[in-house]
Each structure stands twice: as structure tokens, then as C-alpha cells.
N, C-alpha and C. Protein backbone atom coordinates (compact mmCIF):
# COMPACT_ATOMS: atom_id res chain seq x y z
N UNK A 1 0.96 -0.86 0.10
CA UNK A 1 -0.12 0.12 0.24
C UNK A 1 0.64 1.44 0.60
N UNK A 2 0.73 2.24 -1.03
CA UNK A 2 1.28 3.44 -0.88
C UNK A 2 0.65 3.99 -0.39
N UNK A 3 2.22 5.24 0.14
CA UNK A 3 1.39 6.79 1.13
C UNK A 3 0.32 6.78 0.83
N UNK A 4 0.38 7.33 -0.35
CA UNK A 4 -1.17 8.08 -1.26
C UNK A 4 -2.44 8.12 -0.72
N UNK A 5 -2.50 6.38 -0.31
CA UNK A 5 -3.33 5.51 -0.47
C UNK A 5 -4.10 5.19 1.39
N UNK A 6 -2.24 5.59 2.41
CA UNK A 6 -2.99 5.46 3.61
C UNK A 6 -3.06 7.10 3.60
N UNK A 7 -3.28 7.96 3.19
CA UNK A 7 -4.03 9.58 3.72
C UNK A 7 -5.52 9.06 3.39
N UNK A 8 -6.21 8.45 2.86
CA UNK A 8 -7.28 8.90 1.95
C UNK A 8 -7.72 7.50 3.41
N UNK A 9 -7.00 7.05 4.84
CA UNK A 9 -7.91 6.24 5.31
C UNK A 9 -8.22 7.16 6.57
N UNK A 10 -9.65 6.61 6.68
CA UNK A 10 -10.02 7.15 7.90
C UNK A 10 -9.58 6.41 9.55
N UNK A 11 -8.76 7.46 10.14
CA UNK A 11 -8.35 6.40 10.91
C UNK A 11 -9.58 6.92 12.38
N UNK A 12 -10.61 7.85 12.17
CA UNK A 12 -10.61 7.74 12.94
C UNK A 12 -12.06 7.07 13.26
N UNK A 13 -12.94 5.51 12.17
CA UNK A 13 -13.42 4.71 12.11
C UNK A 13 -13.23 3.12 12.38
N UNK A 14 -13.15 2.94 13.56
CA UNK A 14 -12.49 1.56 13.39
C UNK A 14 -13.44 0.63 12.96
N UNK A 15 -14.52 0.17 12.72
CA UNK A 15 -15.48 -0.60 11.71
C UNK A 15 -16.30 0.47 10.63
N UNK A 16 -16.09 -0.97 10.31
CA UNK A 16 -17.33 -0.31 8.58
C UNK A 16 -18.33 0.61 8.63
N UNK A 17 -18.14 1.01 7.72
CA UNK A 17 -20.05 2.12 7.60
C UNK A 17 -20.90 1.37 7.61
N UNK A 18 -20.88 0.01 6.94
CA UNK A 18 -22.38 -0.77 7.03
C UNK A 18 -22.41 -1.14 8.81
N UNK A 19 -21.80 -1.23 9.43
CA UNK A 19 -21.15 -1.85 11.28
C UNK A 19 -21.66 0.03 11.55
N UNK A 20 -22.07 0.57 11.35
CA UNK A 20 -22.14 1.71 12.14
C UNK A 20 -23.75 2.12 11.80
N UNK A 21 -24.65 1.71 10.82
CA UNK A 21 -25.59 2.18 10.10
C UNK A 21 -26.01 0.90 11.23
N UNK A 22 -26.02 0.08 11.02
CA UNK A 22 -26.97 -1.20 11.94
C UNK A 22 -26.30 -0.47 12.92
N UNK A 23 -25.58 -0.38 13.83
CA UNK A 23 -25.48 -0.03 15.28
C UNK A 23 -26.96 1.11 15.17
N UNK A 24 -26.90 1.84 14.60
CA UNK A 24 -28.08 3.30 14.22
C UNK A 24 -29.61 2.08 14.11
N UNK A 25 -30.01 1.67 13.12
CA UNK A 25 -30.89 1.66 13.12
C UNK A 25 -30.99 0.65 14.64
N UNK A 26 -30.37 -0.72 14.97
CA UNK A 26 -30.29 -1.72 15.89
C UNK A 26 -31.45 -0.34 17.69
N UNK A 27 -30.77 0.94 17.81
CA UNK A 27 -30.49 2.13 18.35
C UNK A 27 -32.02 2.45 18.81
N UNK A 28 -32.31 3.18 17.37
CA UNK A 28 -33.59 3.45 16.49
C UNK A 28 -35.07 2.80 16.73
N UNK A 29 -34.38 1.54 16.57
CA UNK A 29 -35.78 0.55 16.77
C UNK A 29 -36.05 -0.01 18.50
N UNK A 30 -34.82 -0.09 18.77
CA UNK A 30 -34.92 0.21 20.52
C UNK A 30 -35.59 1.07 21.21
N UNK A 31 -35.34 2.56 20.74
CA UNK A 31 -36.21 3.10 21.52
C UNK A 31 -38.08 3.37 21.06
N UNK A 32 -38.54 3.20 19.76
CA UNK A 32 -39.58 3.44 19.87
C UNK A 32 -40.10 2.15 20.52
N UNK A 33 -39.37 1.34 20.70
CA UNK A 33 -40.19 0.57 20.83
C UNK A 33 -41.01 0.69 22.06
N UNK A 34 -39.71 0.87 23.37
CA UNK A 34 -39.41 1.32 23.97
C UNK A 34 -40.66 2.26 25.16
N UNK A 35 -40.22 2.91 23.99
CA UNK A 35 -42.08 4.44 23.93
C UNK A 35 -42.46 3.90 23.31
N UNK A 36 -43.31 3.12 22.86
CA UNK A 36 -44.61 2.77 22.40
C UNK A 36 -44.92 1.64 23.95
N UNK A 37 -43.79 1.08 24.38
CA UNK A 37 -44.43 0.00 25.74
C UNK A 37 -44.77 1.65 27.27
N UNK A 38 -44.17 1.97 26.87
CA UNK A 38 -44.44 3.53 28.13
C UNK A 38 -45.55 4.31 27.55
N UNK A 39 -45.92 4.51 26.41
CA UNK A 39 -47.25 4.55 25.98
C UNK A 39 -48.67 3.40 26.63
N UNK A 40 -48.42 2.36 25.78
CA UNK A 40 -49.16 2.02 26.28
C UNK A 40 -49.43 1.51 28.00
N UNK A 41 -48.41 1.22 28.76
CA UNK A 41 -48.74 1.17 29.63
C UNK A 41 -48.98 2.52 30.51
N UNK A 42 -48.57 3.59 30.08
CA UNK A 42 -49.63 4.88 31.01
C UNK A 42 -51.03 4.80 30.11
N UNK A 43 -50.78 4.55 29.17
CA UNK A 43 -52.58 4.54 29.36
C UNK A 43 -53.33 3.39 29.71
N UNK A 44 -52.82 2.41 29.71
CA UNK A 44 -53.50 1.44 30.57
C UNK A 44 -54.02 1.61 32.04
N UNK A 45 -53.45 2.20 32.59
CA UNK A 45 -53.51 2.95 33.88
C UNK A 45 -54.10 4.08 33.83
N UNK A 46 -54.16 5.15 32.95
CA UNK A 46 -55.24 5.76 33.02
C UNK A 46 -56.82 5.61 32.74
N UNK A 47 -56.58 4.69 32.15
CA UNK A 47 -57.93 4.13 31.51
C UNK A 47 -58.58 3.16 32.37
N UNK A 48 -57.98 2.60 33.10
CA UNK A 48 -58.68 1.24 33.77
C UNK A 48 -59.61 1.41 34.46
N UNK A 49 -60.15 0.88 34.76
CA UNK A 49 -62.13 1.04 34.71
C UNK A 49 -62.35 0.35 35.58
N UNK A 50 -61.50 1.44 37.64
CA UNK A 50 -61.56 0.93 38.58
C UNK A 50 -63.18 1.20 39.00
N UNK A 51 -63.88 0.03 39.79
CA UNK A 51 -64.80 0.70 40.43
C UNK A 51 -65.02 2.03 41.38
N UNK A 52 -63.93 1.41 42.62
CA UNK A 52 -63.59 3.16 43.73
C UNK A 52 -62.21 2.23 44.23
N UNK A 53 -61.71 3.41 43.23
CA UNK A 53 -60.20 3.97 43.73
C UNK A 53 -60.30 4.98 45.34
N UNK A 54 -58.85 3.84 46.22
CA UNK A 54 -58.57 4.30 47.14
C UNK A 54 -58.72 5.90 47.78
N UNK A 55 -59.68 6.70 48.21
CA UNK A 55 -59.97 7.86 48.71
C UNK A 55 -58.55 8.34 49.33
N UNK A 56 -58.73 7.78 50.68
CA UNK A 56 -57.92 7.92 51.61
C UNK A 56 -57.48 7.00 51.55
N UNK A 57 -55.75 7.66 52.30
CA UNK A 57 -55.11 6.70 52.58
C UNK A 57 -54.95 5.57 53.76
N UNK A 58 -54.89 4.46 53.81
CA UNK A 58 -55.46 3.63 54.52
C UNK A 58 -53.17 2.22 54.53
N UNK A 59 -52.75 2.88 55.76
CA UNK A 59 -51.33 2.63 55.97
C UNK A 59 -50.93 1.53 56.76
N UNK A 60 -50.00 1.51 57.31
CA UNK A 60 -49.96 0.84 58.69
C UNK A 60 -48.17 0.99 58.65
N UNK A 61 -47.28 0.33 59.02
CA UNK A 61 -45.77 0.66 59.24
C UNK A 61 -45.28 -0.27 60.31
N UNK A 62 -44.57 -0.89 60.40
CA UNK A 62 -44.05 -1.37 61.49
C UNK A 62 -42.97 -1.58 62.03
N UNK A 63 -42.19 -0.55 62.84
CA UNK A 63 -40.55 -0.56 62.92
C UNK A 63 -40.28 0.96 63.07
N UNK A 64 -39.41 1.06 62.81
CA UNK A 64 -38.41 -0.11 63.86
C UNK A 64 -38.46 0.18 65.03
N UNK A 65 -37.78 -1.25 65.97
CA UNK A 65 -38.40 -1.09 67.32
C UNK A 65 -37.68 0.00 68.18
N UNK A 66 -38.06 0.31 68.99
CA UNK A 66 -39.09 -0.28 70.02
C UNK A 66 -40.55 -0.14 69.42
N UNK A 67 -40.48 0.85 68.16
CA UNK A 67 -42.20 0.97 67.74
C UNK A 67 -42.55 0.02 67.92
N UNK A 68 -43.51 -0.23 67.53
CA UNK A 68 -44.85 -1.63 67.26
C UNK A 68 -45.71 -0.88 65.38
N UNK A 69 -46.62 -1.45 65.42
CA UNK A 69 -46.83 -1.02 64.35
C UNK A 69 -47.98 0.03 64.85
N UNK A 70 -47.88 1.30 63.57
CA UNK A 70 -48.18 2.15 62.99
C UNK A 70 -49.49 2.34 62.40
N UNK A 71 -50.99 2.45 62.83
CA UNK A 71 -52.09 1.64 61.61
C UNK A 71 -52.50 3.24 61.66
N UNK A 72 -53.24 3.31 60.32
CA UNK A 72 -54.52 5.24 59.93
C UNK A 72 -54.66 4.65 59.05
N UNK A 73 -56.69 5.06 59.30
CA UNK A 73 -56.84 3.99 58.23
C UNK A 73 -58.31 4.77 58.48
N UNK A 74 -58.71 5.62 57.10
CA UNK A 74 -59.52 6.91 56.89
C UNK A 74 -61.29 6.06 58.00
N UNK A 75 -61.43 4.95 57.34
CA UNK A 75 -62.79 4.39 57.76
C UNK A 75 -62.39 3.01 58.13
N UNK A 76 -63.13 2.48 57.56
CA UNK A 76 -63.07 0.75 58.50
C UNK A 76 -61.76 0.29 57.75
N UNK A 77 -61.08 -0.05 58.36
CA UNK A 77 -59.61 -1.35 57.92
C UNK A 77 -59.56 -1.88 56.73
N UNK A 78 -58.11 -1.19 56.50
CA UNK A 78 -57.94 -2.75 55.52
C UNK A 78 -57.05 -3.38 56.02
N UNK A 79 -56.70 -3.34 56.90
CA UNK A 79 -55.03 -3.82 57.83
C UNK A 79 -55.64 -4.41 59.34
N UNK A 80 -55.62 -6.24 59.26
CA UNK A 80 -54.94 -5.68 61.04
C UNK A 80 -53.79 -6.46 61.11
N UNK A 81 -53.11 -5.51 62.03
CA UNK A 81 -51.69 -6.72 62.91
C UNK A 81 -52.27 -7.58 63.18
N UNK A 82 -51.42 -8.83 62.94
CA UNK A 82 -51.66 -10.20 63.75
C UNK A 82 -50.57 -9.91 64.92
N UNK A 83 -49.57 -9.86 64.74
CA UNK A 83 -48.23 -9.98 65.59
C UNK A 83 -47.33 -8.71 65.09
N UNK A 84 -46.02 -9.07 65.33
CA UNK A 84 -45.27 -7.88 64.93
C UNK A 84 -44.30 -8.86 63.61
N UNK A 85 -43.74 -8.07 62.72
CA UNK A 85 -43.91 -7.98 61.06
C UNK A 85 -44.69 -8.86 60.70
N UNK A 86 -46.26 -8.94 61.28
CA UNK A 86 -47.03 -9.66 60.26
C UNK A 86 -48.28 -9.39 59.84
N UNK A 87 -49.05 -8.65 59.08
CA UNK A 87 -50.70 -8.30 58.88
C UNK A 87 -51.41 -9.06 58.19
N UNK A 88 -52.75 -8.55 58.05
CA UNK A 88 -53.89 -9.81 57.98
C UNK A 88 -54.21 -8.69 57.51
N UNK A 89 -54.21 -8.76 55.53
CA UNK A 89 -55.31 -7.80 54.83
C UNK A 89 -57.17 -7.72 54.92
N UNK A 90 -57.83 -7.28 54.96
CA UNK A 90 -59.00 -7.54 55.12
C UNK A 90 -59.67 -6.78 53.73
N UNK A 91 -59.22 -5.77 52.78
CA UNK A 91 -59.83 -5.09 51.60
C UNK A 91 -58.58 -6.11 50.01
N UNK A 92 -59.60 -6.54 49.36
CA UNK A 92 -58.78 -6.99 48.17
C UNK A 92 -57.87 -4.95 47.59
N UNK A 93 -56.72 -5.41 47.16
CA UNK A 93 -56.58 -4.42 46.14
C UNK A 93 -54.85 -4.12 46.48
N UNK A 94 -55.00 -3.03 45.33
CA UNK A 94 -53.10 -3.05 44.78
C UNK A 94 -52.76 -2.18 46.18
N UNK A 95 -51.65 -2.62 46.72
CA UNK A 95 -50.68 -2.39 47.65
C UNK A 95 -49.48 -2.08 47.67
N UNK A 96 -48.92 -0.96 48.11
CA UNK A 96 -47.82 -0.59 48.54
C UNK A 96 -46.82 -1.07 49.48
N UNK A 97 -46.04 -1.90 49.33
CA UNK A 97 -45.08 -2.73 49.98
C UNK A 97 -43.55 -1.74 50.27
N UNK A 98 -43.19 -1.31 51.15
CA UNK A 98 -41.70 -0.94 51.23
C UNK A 98 -40.89 -1.02 52.52
N UNK A 99 -39.92 -0.75 52.30
CA UNK A 99 -39.50 -1.14 54.07
C UNK A 99 -37.93 -1.54 53.57
N UNK A 100 -36.96 -1.23 55.11
CA UNK A 100 -35.31 -1.68 54.86
C UNK A 100 -34.86 -2.39 56.04
N UNK A 101 -34.15 -3.33 55.01
CA UNK A 101 -33.71 -4.44 56.21
C UNK A 101 -31.86 -4.15 57.05
N UNK A 102 -31.60 -3.74 58.02
CA UNK A 102 -30.26 -2.83 58.25
C UNK A 102 -29.91 -4.49 58.95
N UNK A 103 -28.31 -5.18 57.92
CA UNK A 103 -27.66 -5.62 59.19
C UNK A 103 -26.84 -6.00 59.82
N UNK A 104 -26.69 -6.50 60.77
CA UNK A 104 -26.13 -6.33 62.22
C UNK A 104 -24.30 -6.90 61.87
N UNK A 105 -23.87 -6.03 61.48
CA UNK A 105 -22.67 -6.73 61.35
C UNK A 105 -21.94 -7.35 61.77
N UNK A 106 -21.86 -7.02 62.91
CA UNK A 106 -21.45 -7.52 64.31
C UNK A 106 -21.66 -9.05 65.11
N UNK A 107 -22.98 -9.49 64.16
CA UNK A 107 -23.73 -10.83 63.95
C UNK A 107 -22.10 -12.01 63.85
N UNK A 108 -21.70 -12.83 64.40
CA UNK A 108 -20.76 -14.20 64.35
C UNK A 108 -21.30 -15.07 63.90
N UNK A 109 -22.63 -15.09 64.08
CA UNK A 109 -23.09 -16.66 64.29
C UNK A 109 -22.73 -17.42 62.50
N UNK A 110 -23.66 -18.68 62.23
CA UNK A 110 -23.13 -19.39 61.56
C UNK A 110 -24.68 -19.52 60.19
N UNK A 111 -26.18 -18.82 60.41
CA UNK A 111 -26.99 -19.04 59.41
C UNK A 111 -26.58 -17.48 58.44
N UNK A 112 -26.43 -18.28 57.18
CA UNK A 112 -26.93 -17.38 56.05
C UNK A 112 -27.61 -15.48 56.41
N UNK A 113 -27.41 -15.09 55.17
CA UNK A 113 -28.40 -13.40 55.89
C UNK A 113 -29.84 -14.00 54.70
N UNK A 114 -30.66 -13.96 55.26
CA UNK A 114 -32.03 -14.73 54.16
C UNK A 114 -33.10 -14.18 55.35
N UNK A 115 -33.38 -12.72 54.01
CA UNK A 115 -35.14 -11.80 54.55
C UNK A 115 -35.93 -12.32 53.57
N UNK A 116 -36.81 -12.52 54.39
CA UNK A 116 -38.27 -12.85 53.25
C UNK A 116 -39.88 -11.80 53.04
N UNK A 117 -40.51 -11.48 51.94
CA UNK A 117 -41.73 -10.94 52.20
C UNK A 117 -42.43 -12.45 51.67
N UNK A 118 -43.48 -12.25 52.47
CA UNK A 118 -43.89 -12.97 52.63
C UNK A 118 -45.72 -12.51 52.24
N UNK A 119 -46.59 -13.58 51.86
CA UNK A 119 -47.85 -13.47 50.91
C UNK A 119 -48.39 -15.19 51.76
N UNK A 120 -49.09 -14.79 51.82
CA UNK A 120 -50.19 -16.44 52.96
C UNK A 120 -48.93 -18.00 52.69
N UNK A 121 -47.25 -17.76 53.25
CA UNK A 121 -46.33 -18.37 53.40
C UNK A 121 -45.71 -18.56 52.14
N UNK A 122 -45.98 -17.89 50.90
CA UNK A 122 -45.68 -18.09 49.68
C UNK A 122 -44.95 -16.43 49.98
N UNK A 123 -42.93 -16.70 49.28
CA UNK A 123 -42.20 -16.16 49.40
C UNK A 123 -42.19 -15.30 48.36
N UNK A 124 -42.66 -14.54 48.46
CA UNK A 124 -42.29 -13.01 47.19
C UNK A 124 -41.61 -12.36 47.00
N UNK A 125 -40.65 -12.52 47.82
CA UNK A 125 -39.93 -11.76 47.75
C UNK A 125 -38.63 -11.93 48.78
N UNK A 126 -37.08 -12.29 48.43
CA UNK A 126 -36.16 -12.63 49.46
C UNK A 126 -35.23 -11.91 48.87
N UNK A 127 -34.23 -11.44 50.04
CA UNK A 127 -33.15 -10.63 50.13
C UNK A 127 -31.59 -11.68 50.55
N UNK A 128 -31.02 -11.47 49.99
CA UNK A 128 -30.17 -12.44 50.61
C UNK A 128 -28.68 -12.03 50.66
N UNK A 129 -28.50 -10.77 50.13
CA UNK A 129 -27.00 -9.76 49.84
C UNK A 129 -27.22 -9.39 51.39
N UNK A 130 -25.49 -9.72 51.74
CA UNK A 130 -25.58 -9.40 53.86
C UNK A 130 -24.56 -7.91 53.02
N UNK A 131 -25.78 -7.08 52.33
CA UNK A 131 -24.39 -5.57 52.58
C UNK A 131 -25.29 -4.73 53.70
N UNK A 132 -24.75 -4.27 53.83
CA UNK A 132 -24.91 -3.14 55.56
C UNK A 132 -27.25 -2.73 55.62
N UNK A 133 -28.03 -2.84 53.79
CA UNK A 133 -29.06 -2.09 53.98
C UNK A 133 -29.46 -2.69 52.87
N UNK A 134 -30.81 -3.25 53.28
CA UNK A 134 -31.27 -3.96 51.77
C UNK A 134 -32.65 -2.71 52.20
N UNK A 135 -33.16 -3.04 50.50
CA UNK A 135 -35.05 -2.52 50.49
C UNK A 135 -35.75 -3.79 49.99
N UNK A 136 -36.40 -3.30 50.71
CA UNK A 136 -37.33 -4.43 50.16
C UNK A 136 -39.20 -3.82 50.27
N UNK A 137 -39.18 -4.82 49.03
CA UNK A 137 -40.84 -3.90 48.63
C UNK A 137 -41.34 -4.39 47.44
N UNK A 138 -42.78 -3.26 46.88
CA UNK A 138 -42.21 -3.34 45.62
C UNK A 138 -44.05 -3.34 44.72
N UNK A 139 -44.68 -3.95 44.96
CA UNK A 139 -46.70 -3.66 44.01
C UNK A 139 -47.04 -4.75 44.38
N UNK A 140 -48.35 -5.33 44.87
CA UNK A 140 -48.52 -6.52 44.51
C UNK A 140 -50.05 -6.27 44.73
N UNK A 141 -50.66 -7.07 44.29
CA UNK A 141 -52.82 -7.70 44.14
C UNK A 141 -52.40 -8.32 45.32
N UNK A 142 -53.33 -7.72 46.56
CA UNK A 142 -54.04 -8.49 47.96
C UNK A 142 -55.21 -9.16 48.02
N UNK A 143 -55.30 -9.79 48.30
CA UNK A 143 -57.02 -10.70 48.45
C UNK A 143 -57.31 -9.75 50.38
N UNK A 144 -59.26 -10.04 50.44
CA UNK A 144 -59.03 -9.92 51.70
C UNK A 144 -59.15 -11.69 51.95
N UNK A 145 -58.24 -11.78 53.49
CA UNK A 145 -57.13 -12.61 53.92
C UNK A 145 -56.54 -13.54 53.73
N UNK A 146 -55.53 -12.20 52.40
CA UNK A 146 -53.80 -13.03 52.33
C UNK A 146 -53.96 -12.16 53.85
N UNK A 147 -52.36 -13.12 54.29
CA UNK A 147 -51.38 -12.65 55.00
C UNK A 147 -50.39 -11.86 54.58
N UNK A 148 -50.04 -11.00 55.28
CA UNK A 148 -48.47 -10.60 54.58
C UNK A 148 -47.04 -10.51 56.15
N UNK A 149 -46.03 -11.14 55.91
CA UNK A 149 -45.22 -11.30 57.02
C UNK A 149 -43.48 -10.48 56.48
N UNK A 150 -42.53 -10.29 57.02
CA UNK A 150 -41.46 -10.33 56.88
C UNK A 150 -40.68 -11.16 58.38
N UNK A 151 -39.58 -11.58 57.24
CA UNK A 151 -39.22 -12.51 58.57
C UNK A 151 -37.85 -13.10 57.97
N UNK A 152 -37.58 -13.53 59.74
CA UNK A 152 -35.39 -13.83 58.83
C UNK A 152 -34.67 -15.64 59.72
N UNK A 153 -33.63 -15.34 58.40
CA UNK A 153 -33.00 -16.72 59.28
C UNK A 153 -32.93 -16.45 60.48
N UNK A 154 -32.57 -15.38 61.33
CA UNK A 154 -31.50 -14.67 62.39
C UNK A 154 -32.48 -14.02 62.88
N UNK A 155 -33.50 -13.49 63.51
CA UNK A 155 -33.43 -12.54 64.07
C UNK A 155 -32.17 -11.63 64.72
N UNK A 156 -31.05 -12.59 65.02
CA UNK A 156 -29.84 -11.61 66.12
C UNK A 156 -29.12 -11.08 65.44
N UNK A 157 -29.00 -11.31 63.67
CA UNK A 157 -28.77 -10.34 61.62
C UNK A 157 -28.65 -9.39 61.96
N UNK A 158 -30.16 -8.84 61.97
CA UNK A 158 -30.81 -7.91 62.14
C UNK A 158 -30.72 -6.61 63.13
N UNK A 159 -30.48 -5.10 62.66
CA UNK A 159 -30.83 -4.34 63.84
C UNK A 159 -32.36 -3.43 63.92
N UNK A 160 -33.15 -4.36 64.86
CA UNK A 160 -35.17 -4.24 64.46
C UNK A 160 -34.72 -2.81 64.84
N UNK A 161 -33.44 -1.81 66.08
CA UNK A 161 -34.28 -0.38 65.65
C UNK A 161 -33.39 0.27 64.55
N UNK A 162 -33.28 -0.05 63.40
CA UNK A 162 -33.68 0.92 61.89
C UNK A 162 -33.85 -0.67 61.03
N UNK A 163 -34.71 -0.94 61.34
CA UNK A 163 -35.37 -1.75 60.22
C UNK A 163 -36.61 -1.94 60.19
N UNK A 164 -37.18 -1.38 59.18
CA UNK A 164 -39.17 -1.75 59.27
C UNK A 164 -39.36 -1.82 58.14
N UNK A 165 -40.59 -1.95 58.30
CA UNK A 165 -41.45 -2.27 56.55
C UNK A 165 -42.97 -2.13 56.97
N UNK A 166 -43.99 -1.29 55.95
CA UNK A 166 -44.66 -0.91 55.61
C UNK A 166 -45.65 -1.24 54.40
N UNK A 167 -46.86 -0.39 54.38
CA UNK A 167 -47.72 -1.03 53.17
C UNK A 167 -48.67 -0.22 53.17
N UNK A 168 -49.27 -0.23 51.86
CA UNK A 168 -50.15 1.01 51.78
C UNK A 168 -51.21 1.01 50.77
N UNK A 169 -52.69 0.61 50.82
CA UNK A 169 -53.55 0.55 49.58
C UNK A 169 -53.45 1.45 48.88
N UNK A 170 -53.18 1.76 47.40
CA UNK A 170 -53.35 1.86 45.93
C UNK A 170 -54.64 2.33 45.90
N UNK A 171 -54.80 2.14 45.38
CA UNK A 171 -56.52 1.44 45.02
C UNK A 171 -57.30 0.08 44.45
N UNK A 172 -58.43 0.34 45.47
CA UNK A 172 -59.47 -0.76 46.29
C UNK A 172 -59.36 -1.38 44.37
N UNK A 173 -59.64 -2.71 43.94
CA UNK A 173 -59.11 -3.19 43.27
C UNK A 173 -60.71 -4.31 43.02
N UNK A 174 -62.04 -3.71 42.35
CA UNK A 174 -63.04 -4.31 42.74
C UNK A 174 -63.58 -3.31 40.85
N UNK A 175 -62.88 -4.08 40.24
CA UNK A 175 -63.09 -4.38 38.29
C UNK A 175 -64.90 -4.81 38.23
N UNK A 176 -65.13 -3.18 37.30
CA UNK A 176 -65.76 -3.51 35.84
C UNK A 176 -66.62 -4.18 35.26
N UNK A 177 -67.61 -5.46 34.76
CA UNK A 177 -67.28 -6.47 34.43
C UNK A 177 -68.33 -5.99 33.06
């Protein structure tokens, strides 16, 4: 190859021109699909035919210890405490569950770190990463009679004075048929 040919080479492009075009096409297609999915999910949430949205907050929070359950409900309660770390749901609905679990770094026992958020004794979320603080929660459809609890593999692993969880009724799920 002569020096004249070398002068015409573009050093800034490490891949052929076709690969550059392919990358932009994939990026554009992915962006359009993501935009469509976001738009569709927004429309579904806006036009979801609920008979009755939650008008006033129905909230329960447990912890951090020594504090126990703190409940706020405008009318008939949507949930009842059954024990520490455990609730019974009284109303069908969409519930937001939130919380944090603080690991006791001085724990030297043999039990592996394991925290479980359960619905009717079925695990709906499990934390096994033993970093300092873990967040727990999500949005779940719960029904009257369901029980929700937060359990630990070993209660000595958790700093109870820095660990809490709560639940909020977001919407009543009485769909129009």
C-alpha cells in the first residue's frame, strides 16, 4: 500500500460503515419500542376501569423497634396486625409494600443472611445480599384474608432498631365487568 492510499484512510472509524448504520438502526428500533411500551402502560393505568380508587390512605408501618405497628385508616380498616412483622389484609386492592432491613455487622453466627417478604407463607421477595442495608418491597395485588409478613433467617442478624416495613393501599380492585 502506498503512502497516498494511507492518506485517504479514515483513522477515526474502527468498524466498517455498514456496522455503524446497523448500530443506529438497532438503537432507533429499540427506542421506538421502549416509547411504545411506556405509552401503552400509561394508557392502561389511566383508563383502567376501577369501580372505586382508594380515596383516603390506609397505611400500616411496623418498626423500627421499639416502635410497634402504626396504623392509619380513614374508615373501616383495610388491614389488621396479627403479630410483630405480620399483617392480615381485610380489603382487596393494590398495595405498595416498602421497607428496609439493616444487617447487624457484628453478627458472628452461622446462619446465612436471609430475609423474606411473604404472602400467605409463599415468598414474594427474598434478600440474601448481606450488605449493610437492603430495601424490600414492590406493588402487589392482595385479597381479603391474605397475610403478609417479613421474616428473618436469624433475628440476631438484623438491627431491629433500624429495620422497618410498611404497606399502603393504592387502589381498591373492584373491576367493572
